[in-house]
Amino acid sequence: MINPPNVMVKEISPSIKILRDVHIPTRDGSYLSANIYMPSGEGKFPALLSLHPARKDVLCKDGYMHIQFRFARQPGTIAFSNETSFEAPDPDFWATNGYAVVNIDKRGFGLS
């Protein structure tokens, strides 16, 4: 049996700007729902996009991510923020390093 590694879920940095349930219009008049995490300050930022068929709002703090780390040995404690969606980049890490993170509900899923 493989023992799970230590997992630490931390609060996202208060300096990160969070926009929730932003409507992204599509050409047929519908929209996709997105959560957007941006660095503090003004300007344009390179973006990491994740399209979610299982809902962008399924977050690691709800316990859904921990099982994936049981299948491979890890070198140490795994840490990510409480705003990390399942199978998506950690917005805390990327936004504090100058990137925007955009988590989008796929059409017909979640709030899209």
Protein backbone atom coordinates (compact mmCIF):
# COMPACT_ATOMS: atom_id res chain seq x y z
CA MET A 1 0.00 0.00 0.00
CA ILE A 2 1.26 3.46 -0.86
CA ASN A 3 1.02 6.03 1.89
CA PRO A 4 -0.14 9.49 0.89
CA PRO A 5 2.46 12.26 1.11
CA ASN A 6 2.07 15.29 3.31
CA VAL A 7 -0.26 17.79 1.63
CA MET A 8 -0.48 21.42 2.72
CA VAL A 9 -3.34 23.62 1.50
CA LYS A 10 -2.62 27.29 2.16
CA GLU A 11 -4.70 30.45 1.83
CA ILE A 12 -4.26 32.33 -1.45
CA SER A 13 -2.29 35.57 -1.19
CA PRO A 14 -4.54 38.56 -0.42
CA SER A 15 -2.69 40.58 -3.09
CA ILE A 16 -4.15 38.44 -5.91
CA LYS A 17 -7.12 39.97 -7.69
CA ILE A 18 -9.95 37.41 -8.09
CA LEU A 19 -12.87 37.80 -10.52
CA ARG A 20 -15.47 35.07 -10.12
CA ASP A 21 -18.06 33.81 -12.62
CA VAL A 22 -17.00 36.20 -15.39
CA HIS A 23 -19.07 35.64 -18.55
CA ILE A 24 -17.00 35.09 -21.69
CA PRO A 25 -19.28 35.58 -24.72
CA THR A 26 -19.23 33.02 -27.52
CA ARG A 27 -20.05 33.71 -31.17
CA ASP A 28 -23.43 31.95 -30.94
CA GLY A 29 -24.64 34.31 -28.20
CA SER A 30 -24.02 31.94 -25.29
CA TYR A 31 -21.26 32.38 -22.73
CA LEU A 32 -18.69 30.44 -20.74
CA SER A 33 -18.22 31.11 -17.03
CA ALA A 34 -14.69 31.76 -15.75
CA ASN A 35 -12.81 32.52 -12.56
CA ILE A 36 -9.85 34.81 -13.22
CA TYR A 37 -6.88 35.27 -10.91
CA MET A 38 -4.52 38.16 -11.67
CA PRO A 39 -1.41 39.69 -10.16
CA SER A 40 -1.88 42.91 -8.25
CA GLY A 41 -1.41 46.06 -10.28
CA GLU A 42 -2.52 47.17 -13.69
CA GLY A 43 -1.44 45.96 -17.10
CA LYS A 44 -1.62 42.99 -19.40
CA PHE A 45 -0.47 39.61 -18.16
CA PRO A 46 0.31 36.34 -19.95
CA ALA A 47 -2.44 33.86 -19.12
CA LEU A 48 -2.74 30.16 -18.32
CA LEU A 49 -6.14 28.83 -19.44
CA SER A 50 -7.83 25.70 -18.10
CA LEU A 51 -11.10 24.39 -19.54
CA HIS A 52 -13.00 22.28 -16.99
CA PRO A 53 -15.54 19.59 -17.87
CA ALA A 54 -16.02 18.83 -14.17
CA ARG A 55 -16.58 22.40 -12.85
CA LYS A 56 -14.02 25.10 -12.26
CA ASP A 57 -15.28 25.52 -8.70
CA VAL A 58 -14.17 22.05 -7.54
CA LEU A 59 -11.28 23.21 -5.41
CA CYS A 60 -8.50 21.31 -3.68
CA LYS A 61 -9.67 22.56 -0.28
CA ASP A 62 -12.71 20.31 -0.79
CA GLY A 63 -10.40 17.28 -0.78
CA TYR A 64 -10.68 16.26 -4.43
CA MET A 65 -7.00 16.69 -5.30
CA HIS A 66 -5.38 14.68 -2.56
CA ILE A 67 -6.01 11.23 -4.08
CA GLN A 68 -3.95 11.96 -7.19
CA PHE A 69 -0.78 12.20 -5.13
CA ARG A 70 -1.13 8.67 -3.73
CA PHE A 71 0.00 7.01 -6.96
CA ALA A 72 3.55 8.33 -7.14
CA ARG A 73 6.21 9.00 -4.58
CA GLN A 74 6.71 12.68 -3.87
CA PRO A 75 10.00 14.28 -2.80
CA GLY A 76 8.42 16.21 0.05
CA THR A 77 5.36 18.07 1.22
CA ILE A 78 3.03 19.10 -1.59
CA ALA A 79 1.70 22.63 -1.15
CA PHE A 80 -0.92 24.52 -3.13
CA SER A 81 -3.48 27.24 -2.47
CA ASN A 82 -7.10 26.80 -1.47
CA GLU A 83 -8.14 28.29 -4.84
CA THR A 84 -6.48 25.55 -6.93
CA SER A 85 -9.06 23.82 -9.14
CA PHE A 86 -8.83 20.13 -9.92
CA GLU A 87 -6.25 19.52 -12.68
CA ALA A 88 -5.43 23.22 -13.00
CA PRO A 89 -2.41 25.36 -12.14
CA ASP A 90 -2.20 26.91 -8.68
CA PRO A 91 -3.32 30.53 -9.12
CA ASP A 92 -1.35 31.63 -6.06
CA PHE A 93 1.97 30.45 -7.51
CA TRP A 94 1.36 31.77 -11.03
CA ALA A 95 -0.28 35.11 -10.16
CA THR A 96 2.50 35.99 -7.71
CA ASN A 97 4.92 35.29 -10.58
CA GLY A 98 3.20 37.67 -13.03
CA TYR A 99 0.67 35.40 -14.80
CA ALA A 100 -3.11 35.43 -14.94
CA VAL A 101 -4.87 32.10 -14.37
CA VAL A 102 -8.25 31.62 -16.07
CA ASN A 103 -10.36 28.61 -15.07
CA ILE A 104 -13.33 28.11 -17.40
CA ASP A 105 -16.37 25.85 -17.16
CA LYS A 106 -16.78 23.96 -20.43
CA ARG A 107 -20.05 24.57 -22.28
CA GLY A 108 -22.88 22.69 -20.62
CA PHE A 109 -20.97 22.21 -17.36
CA GLY A 110 -20.87 24.18 -14.14
CA LEU A 111 -22.11 27.71 -14.76
CA SER A 112 -21.53 27.72 -18.55
